[in-house]
Amino acid sequence: MNEGEYDERRLRDFVAGRARGFSRRELLLLTAAVGVGAAAATTGARPAAAASPIVKPLPPELFKVHGTNAETRWSALKGQGYHVPIDRFFVRNHTSTPIIDPATWNLEVFGSGLRGAAEHFTLRDLKRLPSETRDVAVECAGNGRSYFTSQQGQTVSGTTWGLGAVGVARWRGVRLSTVLRHAGLSRDAVDVQPSGLDADFVSGGVDLGPVRRPFPLRKALDDVLLAYEMNGEPLPADHGAPVRALVPGWVGIASIKWVGRIEVSAEPLFSPWNTQFYRLFGPEFPAAGLPFDRQVIKSAFELDPGTTLPSGVRTRLTGRSWSANGPIRKVDVSTDGGTTWRRARPYGATPGGVWQRWELDWTPAAGSHVLLARATDVRGNTQPDVTRHNTLGYVFDAVVRVPVTAV
């Protein structure tokens, strides 16, 4: 179930002609497009999209908007509890949020990995099956991308996220394993691939079809959830309504929104979203790119860069740290640009061990200061000072420098 090993194996399968996905000509065109970061969207025969790419309100005090995407401002999470409220949960869209009627929606499960014909499930059908509630993080692989440029002076392409392309929510739905068994799994099944109902995605002049990303059957039968509720409410449109996949521990693109079809295959599957996009490219990497195993370790202060604080007054700095490799063991904070460090105090419950909230009291002197937070997880992974550069700006894990001023 190792994401990086799986993606690397599927690329080898495709090159050897053992995997089904799209043509080699399209692969070459897409490779060229990835090299220049070219991407555009077009509307195919899909449910109607909203008038704007995102449906919910995006007030500037809660979000920083990046085209079809919206990044959560960390200052908006101060005092908000463990779970990110829906009204400030980040939005990652490849095109636009589709508006889908839950009463007419149905899920098609099909493919050579089933014993018989395709099966269809309505939302009501899914809700009749045993449900499960889980605390799961969703994080864009490009979270922190802007710091490659602003902090390391390196050129990258893609959405210029700060650290706000991540969120933890309480999701309720049905295990994918339950649905697959109802559909009738064959002993020959090897791969499972959900596809979204948003508009087809076009990159470099190549229509790549619906957003989709395969994972191995073993992962599908382990912990993947088909979620229809978020934080106790029906799943909102921007977050995948009526139903989305949640793939714990894998990068956010694996958690396909607006799922309409799930292919169960007896042969390896290939998708641009695990073999060309969401790979590490650059001078230090192979020409075909290097898969990354999973998300990394990060920390964020619950304030905006450039914040002004009162000098000579004790201030409580708060933040959150998280790692895909396990719970956070400790967080060290510097208020002087890294010259000295102090241990932050952890607080609050950590359902699912997804991220850790922390705090530190500080009385700033008048003038400019640089805040840093450095986390270490239970496996000993610690945030580095510098992240290895890749041209698409993925998996930034370095300690982020946050300037503030005290007056």
Protein backbone atom coordinates (compact mmCIF):
# COMPACT_ATOMS: atom_id res chain seq x y z
CA MET A 1 0.00 0.00 0.00
CA ASN A 2 3.05 2.28 -0.23
CA GLU A 3 1.94 5.08 -2.54
CA GLY A 4 5.34 5.81 -4.05
CA GLU A 5 6.17 2.18 -4.79
CA TYR A 6 2.73 1.66 -6.32
CA ASP A 7 3.01 4.70 -8.61
CA GLU A 8 6.49 3.70 -9.76
CA ARG A 9 5.31 0.17 -10.51
CA ARG A 10 2.36 1.45 -12.54
CA LEU A 11 4.60 3.68 -14.67
CA ARG A 12 6.82 0.68 -15.43
CA ASP A 13 3.72 -1.35 -16.28
CA PHE A 14 2.59 1.31 -18.73
CA VAL A 15 5.97 1.60 -20.44
CA ALA A 16 6.08 -2.19 -20.80
CA GLY A 17 2.56 -2.26 -22.24
CA ARG A 18 1.07 -4.01 -19.21
CA ALA A 19 -1.16 -1.15 -17.99
CA ARG A 20 -4.20 0.46 -19.54
CA GLY A 21 -4.62 4.22 -19.41
CA PHE A 22 -4.18 6.45 -22.42
CA SER A 23 -2.02 6.46 -25.55
CA ARG A 24 1.74 6.89 -25.71
CA ARG A 25 1.23 9.87 -28.01
CA GLU A 26 -0.88 11.53 -25.33
CA LEU A 27 1.79 10.66 -22.78
CA LEU A 28 4.47 12.44 -24.84
CA LEU A 29 2.25 15.49 -25.31
CA LEU A 30 1.43 15.53 -21.62
CA THR A 31 5.09 15.18 -20.67
CA ALA A 32 5.85 18.29 -22.71
CA ALA A 33 2.95 20.13 -21.07
CA VAL A 34 4.16 19.19 -17.61
CA GLY A 35 7.57 20.55 -18.47
CA VAL A 36 6.18 24.05 -19.02
CA GLY A 37 3.39 23.82 -16.47
CA ALA A 38 0.71 24.31 -19.14
CA ALA A 39 -2.84 23.62 -17.99
CA ALA A 40 -6.32 24.68 -18.98
CA ALA A 41 -9.82 23.41 -18.35
CA THR A 42 -12.70 22.62 -20.65
CA THR A 43 -16.24 21.46 -20.04
CA GLY A 44 -17.24 18.03 -21.24
CA ALA A 45 -20.55 16.18 -21.00
CA ARG A 46 -20.78 16.56 -17.24
CA PRO A 47 -23.25 17.98 -14.71
CA ALA A 48 -23.68 21.75 -14.92
CA ALA A 49 -21.00 23.81 -13.19
CA ALA A 50 -21.71 26.75 -10.93
CA ALA A 51 -21.44 30.30 -12.26
CA SER A 52 -18.09 30.64 -10.46
CA PRO A 53 -15.49 27.88 -9.90
CA ILE A 54 -16.35 27.67 -6.18
CA VAL A 55 -19.85 27.72 -4.71
CA LYS A 56 -19.41 28.73 -1.08
CA PRO A 57 -18.59 32.31 0.01
CA LEU A 58 -14.89 33.16 0.09
CA PRO A 59 -14.53 36.18 2.40
CA PRO A 60 -10.97 37.55 2.36
CA GLU A 61 -10.61 37.17 6.11
CA LEU A 62 -11.03 33.39 5.67
CA PHE A 63 -9.51 32.60 2.28
CA LYS A 64 -6.87 33.54 -0.22
CA VAL A 65 -8.25 32.75 -3.69
CA HIS A 66 -6.07 31.18 -6.40
CA GLY A 67 -8.26 30.96 -9.51
CA THR A 68 -10.36 27.81 -9.16
CA ASN A 69 -8.86 27.15 -5.71
CA ALA A 70 -9.23 28.72 -2.28
CA GLU A 71 -6.60 28.54 0.46
CA THR A 72 -7.52 28.69 4.14
CA ARG A 73 -5.95 31.60 6.01
CA TRP A 74 -4.26 30.23 9.10
CA SER A 75 -5.41 33.23 11.13
CA ALA A 76 -8.96 31.97 10.49
CA LEU A 77 -8.22 28.72 12.34
CA LYS A 78 -7.19 30.28 15.65
CA GLY A 79 -9.61 29.09 18.31
CA GLN A 80 -11.56 26.91 15.86
CA GLY A 81 -10.96 23.53 17.47
CA TYR A 82 -9.49 20.37 16.04
CA HIS A 83 -11.68 20.07 12.95
CA VAL A 84 -11.65 22.76 10.28
CA PRO A 85 -15.16 24.22 9.91
CA ILE A 86 -16.71 23.77 6.47
CA ASP A 87 -16.94 27.52 5.92
CA ARG A 88 -13.13 27.79 6.07
CA PHE A 89 -12.01 24.41 4.70
CA PHE A 90 -9.74 24.84 1.66
CA VAL A 91 -10.98 24.06 -1.87
CA ARG A 92 -8.89 22.37 -4.57
CA ASN A 93 -10.63 22.21 -7.95
CA HIS A 94 -9.11 21.14 -11.25
CA THR A 95 -11.96 22.87 -13.09
CA SER A 96 -15.16 24.09 -11.40
CA THR A 97 -17.46 22.71 -8.72
CA PRO A 98 -20.24 20.74 -10.43
CA ILE A 99 -23.79 20.96 -9.12
CA ILE A 100 -25.14 17.42 -8.84
CA ASP A 101 -28.64 16.47 -7.73
CA PRO A 102 -28.25 13.86 -4.96
CA ALA A 103 -31.70 12.48 -5.77
CA THR A 104 -30.66 11.47 -9.29
CA TRP A 105 -26.98 10.72 -8.64
CA ASN A 106 -25.85 7.14 -8.85
CA LEU A 107 -22.52 5.39 -8.54
CA GLU A 108 -21.47 2.92 -11.21
CA VAL A 109 -19.05 0.19 -10.12
CA PHE A 110 -17.74 -1.71 -13.13
CA GLY A 111 -14.76 -3.45 -14.68
CA SER A 112 -12.93 -6.69 -15.36
CA GLY A 113 -12.21 -7.06 -11.64
CA LEU A 114 -15.86 -7.87 -10.91
CA ARG A 115 -17.45 -11.29 -11.19
CA GLY A 116 -20.34 -9.98 -13.25
CA ALA A 117 -21.89 -6.90 -14.82
CA ALA A 118 -21.66 -3.36 -13.51
CA GLU A 119 -23.55 -2.48 -10.33
CA HIS A 120 -25.23 0.84 -9.56
CA PHE A 121 -25.78 2.44 -6.16
CA THR A 122 -27.93 5.45 -5.32
CA LEU A 123 -27.13 7.69 -2.38
CA ARG A 124 -29.97 6.01 -0.53
CA ASP A 125 -28.42 2.62 -1.25
CA LEU A 126 -25.11 3.74 0.25
CA LYS A 127 -26.78 5.12 3.34
CA ARG A 128 -28.47 1.77 3.93
CA LEU A 129 -25.05 0.13 4.26
CA PRO A 130 -23.11 0.18 7.55
CA SER A 131 -21.59 3.61 8.07
CA GLU A 132 -18.28 4.68 9.58
CA THR A 133 -17.05 8.02 10.92
CA ARG A 134 -13.39 9.00 10.74
CA ASP A 135 -11.11 11.98 11.35
CA VAL A 136 -9.05 12.29 8.17
CA ALA A 137 -6.77 14.99 6.77
CA VAL A 138 -6.89 16.06 3.13
CA GLU A 139 -3.82 17.95 1.91
CA CYS A 140 -2.88 19.12 -1.57
CA ALA A 141 0.52 17.78 -2.66
CA GLY A 142 1.49 21.35 -3.54
CA ASN A 143 0.75 22.75 -0.10
CA GLY A 144 3.57 25.18 0.72
CA ARG A 145 4.61 25.52 -2.94
CA SER A 146 5.05 29.31 -2.82
CA TYR A 147 7.93 28.93 -0.33
CA PHE A 148 10.13 27.31 -2.96
CA THR A 149 10.23 30.77 -4.55
CA SER A 150 9.83 33.19 -1.64
CA GLN A 151 12.09 31.31 0.78
CA GLN A 152 14.46 29.28 -1.41
CA GLY A 153 14.58 31.48 -4.53
CA GLN A 154 13.58 28.63 -6.86
CA THR A 155 11.19 28.59 -9.81
CA VAL A 156 8.21 26.23 -9.67
CA SER A 157 4.90 25.96 -11.52
CA GLY A 158 1.41 25.44 -10.16
CA THR A 159 -0.94 27.08 -7.67
CA THR A 160 1.02 29.32 -5.31
CA TRP A 161 -0.25 27.82 -2.08
CA GLY A 162 1.03 29.00 1.27
CA LEU A 163 0.37 26.38 3.98
CA GLY A 164 -3.43 26.57 3.87
CA ALA A 165 -4.16 23.74 1.41
CA VAL A 166 -4.82 21.28 4.21
CA GLY A 167 -7.71 20.48 6.49
CA VAL A 168 -8.91 17.89 8.98
CA ALA A 169 -12.59 17.04 9.12
CA ARG A 170 -14.83 14.37 10.60
CA TRP A 171 -16.15 12.38 7.65
CA ARG A 172 -18.99 9.86 7.61
CA GLY A 173 -19.70 7.36 4.89
CA VAL A 174 -19.41 3.74 3.86
CA ARG A 175 -16.24 1.73 3.49
CA LEU A 176 -15.27 1.24 -0.14
CA SER A 177 -14.60 -2.39 0.72
CA THR A 178 -18.27 -2.82 1.63
CA VAL A 179 -19.41 -1.42 -1.72
CA LEU A 180 -16.92 -3.49 -3.70
CA ARG A 181 -18.00 -6.71 -2.00
CA HIS A 182 -21.64 -5.90 -2.71
CA ALA A 183 -20.68 -5.36 -6.35
CA GLY A 184 -19.03 -8.79 -6.47
CA LEU A 185 -15.24 -8.72 -6.46
CA SER A 186 -13.35 -11.18 -8.61
CA ARG A 187 -10.23 -12.89 -7.27
CA ASP A 188 -8.43 -11.36 -10.30
CA ALA A 189 -8.98 -7.72 -9.24
CA VAL A 190 -5.77 -5.71 -8.79
CA ASP A 191 -6.59 -2.00 -9.13
CA VAL A 192 -9.44 0.34 -8.21
CA GLN A 193 -9.96 3.77 -9.78
CA PRO A 194 -12.64 6.34 -8.81
CA SER A 195 -13.46 9.02 -11.40
CA GLY A 196 -14.94 12.44 -10.70
CA LEU A 197 -17.99 14.06 -12.28
CA ASP A 198 -16.36 17.47 -12.67
CA ALA A 199 -15.53 18.76 -16.16
CA ASP A 200 -12.85 17.01 -18.21
CA PHE A 201 -9.36 18.36 -17.61
CA VAL A 202 -7.16 19.62 -20.47
CA SER A 203 -3.40 20.12 -20.22
CA GLY A 204 -1.14 21.17 -23.08
CA GLY A 205 -3.95 20.61 -25.58
CA VAL A 206 -4.56 17.05 -24.40
CA ASP A 207 -8.04 16.21 -23.10
CA LEU A 208 -7.28 13.93 -20.17
CA GLY A 209 -10.90 13.19 -19.36
CA PRO A 210 -12.28 13.15 -15.82
CA VAL A 211 -9.96 13.47 -12.84
CA ARG A 212 -9.13 9.96 -11.65
CA ARG A 213 -6.35 8.17 -9.83
CA PRO A 214 -5.95 4.43 -9.22
CA PHE A 215 -4.82 2.64 -6.10
CA PRO A 216 -4.26 -1.05 -5.36
CA LEU A 217 -7.07 -3.32 -4.29
CA ARG A 218 -5.31 -3.89 -0.98
CA LYS A 219 -5.62 -0.18 -0.16
CA ALA A 220 -9.24 -0.12 -1.32
CA LEU A 221 -10.09 -2.96 1.05
CA ASP A 222 -8.20 -1.42 3.95
CA ASP A 223 -9.29 2.11 4.88
CA VAL A 224 -10.76 3.98 1.90
CA LEU A 225 -14.08 5.68 2.67
CA LEU A 226 -16.87 6.87 0.37
CA ALA A 227 -17.97 9.91 2.37
CA TYR A 228 -21.36 11.62 2.18
CA GLU A 229 -21.11 13.73 5.37
CA MET A 230 -18.54 16.27 6.58
CA ASN A 231 -18.45 17.53 10.17
CA GLY A 232 -21.94 16.18 10.77
CA GLU A 233 -23.51 17.85 7.72
CA PRO A 234 -24.36 16.59 4.24
CA LEU A 235 -21.23 16.82 2.10
CA PRO A 236 -21.12 20.31 0.50
CA ALA A 237 -20.74 20.76 -3.26
CA ASP A 238 -17.22 22.22 -3.08
CA HIS A 239 -16.02 19.23 -1.09
CA GLY A 240 -17.39 16.53 -3.36
CA ALA A 241 -21.17 16.17 -2.94
CA PRO A 242 -22.94 13.87 -3.14
CA VAL A 243 -20.05 11.44 -2.49
CA ARG A 244 -16.27 11.66 -2.45
CA ALA A 245 -13.47 9.19 -1.86
CA LEU A 246 -11.18 9.58 1.14
CA VAL A 247 -7.84 7.79 0.92
CA PRO A 248 -6.09 8.22 4.29
CA GLY A 249 -2.32 8.71 4.24
CA TRP A 250 -2.13 9.35 0.47
CA VAL A 251 -1.80 12.76 -1.18
CA GLY A 252 -4.99 14.76 -1.64
CA ILE A 253 -5.47 14.00 -5.35
CA ALA A 254 -6.20 10.37 -4.43
CA SER A 255 -9.33 11.49 -2.54
CA ILE A 256 -11.41 12.07 -5.68
CA LYS A 257 -14.39 14.41 -5.29
CA TRP A 258 -17.82 14.01 -6.94
CA VAL A 259 -17.28 10.31 -7.55
CA GLY A 260 -19.52 8.94 -10.29
CA ARG A 261 -17.75 5.79 -11.45
CA ILE A 262 -15.38 3.31 -9.84
CA GLU A 263 -13.48 0.94 -12.08
CA VAL A 264 -12.32 -2.36 -10.61
CA SER A 265 -9.72 -3.82 -12.94
CA ALA A 266 -8.04 -7.19 -13.36
CA GLU A 267 -5.11 -5.45 -15.06
CA PRO A 268 -2.94 -2.54 -13.89
CA LEU A 269 -4.48 0.90 -14.44
CA PHE A 270 -2.68 4.05 -15.54
CA SER A 271 -3.70 7.66 -14.97
CA PRO A 272 -1.99 10.99 -15.67
CA TRP A 273 -2.63 11.86 -12.03
CA ASN A 274 -0.24 9.24 -10.71
CA THR A 275 2.35 8.98 -13.48
CA GLN A 276 2.82 12.48 -14.93
CA PHE A 277 1.17 14.87 -12.53
CA TYR A 278 2.03 14.45 -8.86
CA ARG A 279 5.60 13.31 -9.51
CA LEU A 280 8.92 14.98 -8.79
CA PHE A 281 10.60 16.48 -11.86
CA GLY A 282 13.82 18.46 -12.14
CA PRO A 283 17.59 18.14 -12.66
CA GLU A 284 17.97 15.87 -9.62
CA PHE A 285 15.27 13.43 -10.74
CA PRO A 286 14.83 10.83 -13.51
CA ALA A 287 13.39 12.09 -16.80
CA ALA A 288 10.17 10.18 -16.14
CA GLY A 289 9.89 11.80 -12.73
CA LEU A 290 10.08 10.31 -9.26
CA PRO A 291 6.97 9.35 -7.30
CA PHE A 292 6.73 10.70 -3.81
CA ASP A 293 5.71 8.29 -1.13
CA ARG A 294 3.18 10.41 0.73
CA GLN A 295 2.76 13.85 2.23
CA VAL A 296 5.45 15.12 4.55
CA ILE A 297 5.76 16.95 7.89
CA LYS A 298 4.72 20.59 8.32
CA SER A 299 3.98 23.28 10.90
CA ALA A 300 1.97 26.49 10.68
CA PHE A 301 1.33 29.43 13.01
CA GLU A 302 -2.29 30.49 13.35
CA LEU A 303 -1.58 33.99 12.13
CA ASP A 304 -0.89 35.74 8.82
CA PRO A 305 2.65 36.65 7.74
CA GLY A 306 3.22 40.33 8.43
CA THR A 307 0.94 40.40 11.47
CA THR A 308 1.45 43.31 13.87
CA LEU A 309 1.59 42.44 17.59
CA PRO A 310 1.69 44.71 20.65
CA SER A 311 5.23 45.10 21.99
CA GLY A 312 5.92 44.44 25.67
CA VAL A 313 2.68 42.47 26.04
CA ARG A 314 2.63 38.72 26.55
CA THR A 315 1.19 37.09 23.43
CA ARG A 316 0.10 33.48 23.08
CA LEU A 317 1.35 32.07 19.80
CA THR A 318 -0.65 29.09 18.56
CA GLY A 319 -0.27 26.71 15.67
CA ARG A 320 -0.63 23.19 14.33
CA SER A 321 1.81 20.55 13.14
CA TRP A 322 1.09 17.38 11.19
CA SER A 323 2.79 14.48 9.45
CA ALA A 324 1.56 11.73 7.15
CA ASN A 325 3.98 9.37 8.90
CA GLY A 326 2.27 9.48 12.30
CA PRO A 327 1.45 11.69 15.28
CA ILE A 328 3.62 14.66 16.23
CA ARG A 329 6.07 14.04 19.10
CA LYS A 330 7.33 17.58 19.68
CA VAL A 331 7.30 21.10 18.25
CA ASP A 332 10.08 23.63 18.79
CA VAL A 333 9.47 27.34 18.19
CA SER A 334 11.90 30.17 17.55
CA THR A 335 10.94 33.85 17.83
CA ASP A 336 14.34 35.19 16.73
CA GLY A 337 14.80 33.70 13.28
CA GLY A 338 16.26 30.40 14.46
CA THR A 339 18.95 31.61 16.89
CA THR A 340 17.21 30.07 19.91
CA TRP A 341 14.42 27.53 20.26
CA ARG A 342 11.81 26.73 22.91
CA ARG A 343 9.53 23.71 23.22
CA ALA A 344 5.88 24.51 22.48
CA ARG A 345 3.12 23.15 24.71
CA PRO A 346 0.79 20.64 23.03
CA TYR A 347 -2.88 20.95 23.88
CA GLY A 348 -6.25 19.52 22.95
CA ALA A 349 -7.46 16.09 21.88
CA THR A 350 -6.06 14.57 18.69
CA PRO A 351 -8.75 12.27 17.23
CA GLY A 352 -7.10 9.97 14.75
CA GLY A 353 -3.70 11.46 15.58
CA VAL A 354 -3.88 13.64 12.48
CA TRP A 355 -2.41 16.90 13.73
CA GLN A 356 -1.30 18.46 16.98
CA ARG A 357 -2.27 21.91 18.22
CA TRP A 358 0.34 23.76 20.26
CA GLU A 359 0.98 27.09 21.99
CA LEU A 360 3.81 29.22 23.31
CA ASP A 361 3.76 32.44 25.33
CA TRP A 362 6.02 35.23 24.10
CA THR A 363 6.53 38.89 25.02
CA PRO A 364 7.96 40.58 21.91
CA ALA A 365 10.17 43.65 22.02
CA ALA A 366 9.42 46.44 19.57
CA GLY A 367 10.71 45.78 16.07
CA SER A 368 10.72 43.06 13.40
CA HIS A 369 10.84 39.37 14.26
CA VAL A 370 10.86 36.08 12.36
CA LEU A 371 8.89 33.16 13.80
CA LEU A 372 9.73 29.53 13.02
CA ALA A 373 8.09 26.26 14.08
CA ARG A 374 9.83 22.90 13.62
CA ALA A 375 8.00 19.63 14.25
CA THR A 376 9.23 16.09 14.82
CA ASP A 377 6.90 13.10 14.45
CA VAL A 378 6.89 9.78 16.31
CA ARG A 379 9.03 8.17 13.60
CA GLY A 380 11.77 10.75 14.08
CA ASN A 381 11.07 12.80 10.94
CA THR A 382 11.97 16.46 11.55
CA GLN A 383 11.36 19.44 9.30
CA PRO A 384 14.55 20.44 7.47
CA ASP A 385 15.85 23.95 6.89
CA VAL A 386 15.69 23.51 3.09
CA THR A 387 13.47 21.33 0.88
CA ARG A 388 14.86 19.54 -2.18
CA HIS A 389 13.71 21.48 -5.24
CA ASN A 390 11.34 19.98 -7.80
CA THR A 391 9.89 21.95 -10.70
CA LEU A 392 6.23 21.31 -9.87
CA GLY A 393 6.72 22.44 -6.29
CA TYR A 394 5.44 19.40 -4.41
CA VAL A 395 5.90 18.21 -0.80
CA PHE A 396 7.50 21.33 0.69
CA ASP A 397 8.48 20.36 4.24
CA ALA A 398 11.06 22.94 5.31
CA VAL A 399 10.60 25.18 8.33
CA VAL A 400 8.66 28.26 7.18
CA ARG A 401 9.86 31.71 8.16
CA VAL A 402 6.97 33.94 9.31
CA PRO A 403 7.74 37.68 9.65
CA VAL A 404 5.85 39.70 12.28
CA THR A 405 6.24 43.18 13.73
CA ALA A 406 5.77 44.35 17.31
CA VAL A 407 4.85 48.00 17.94
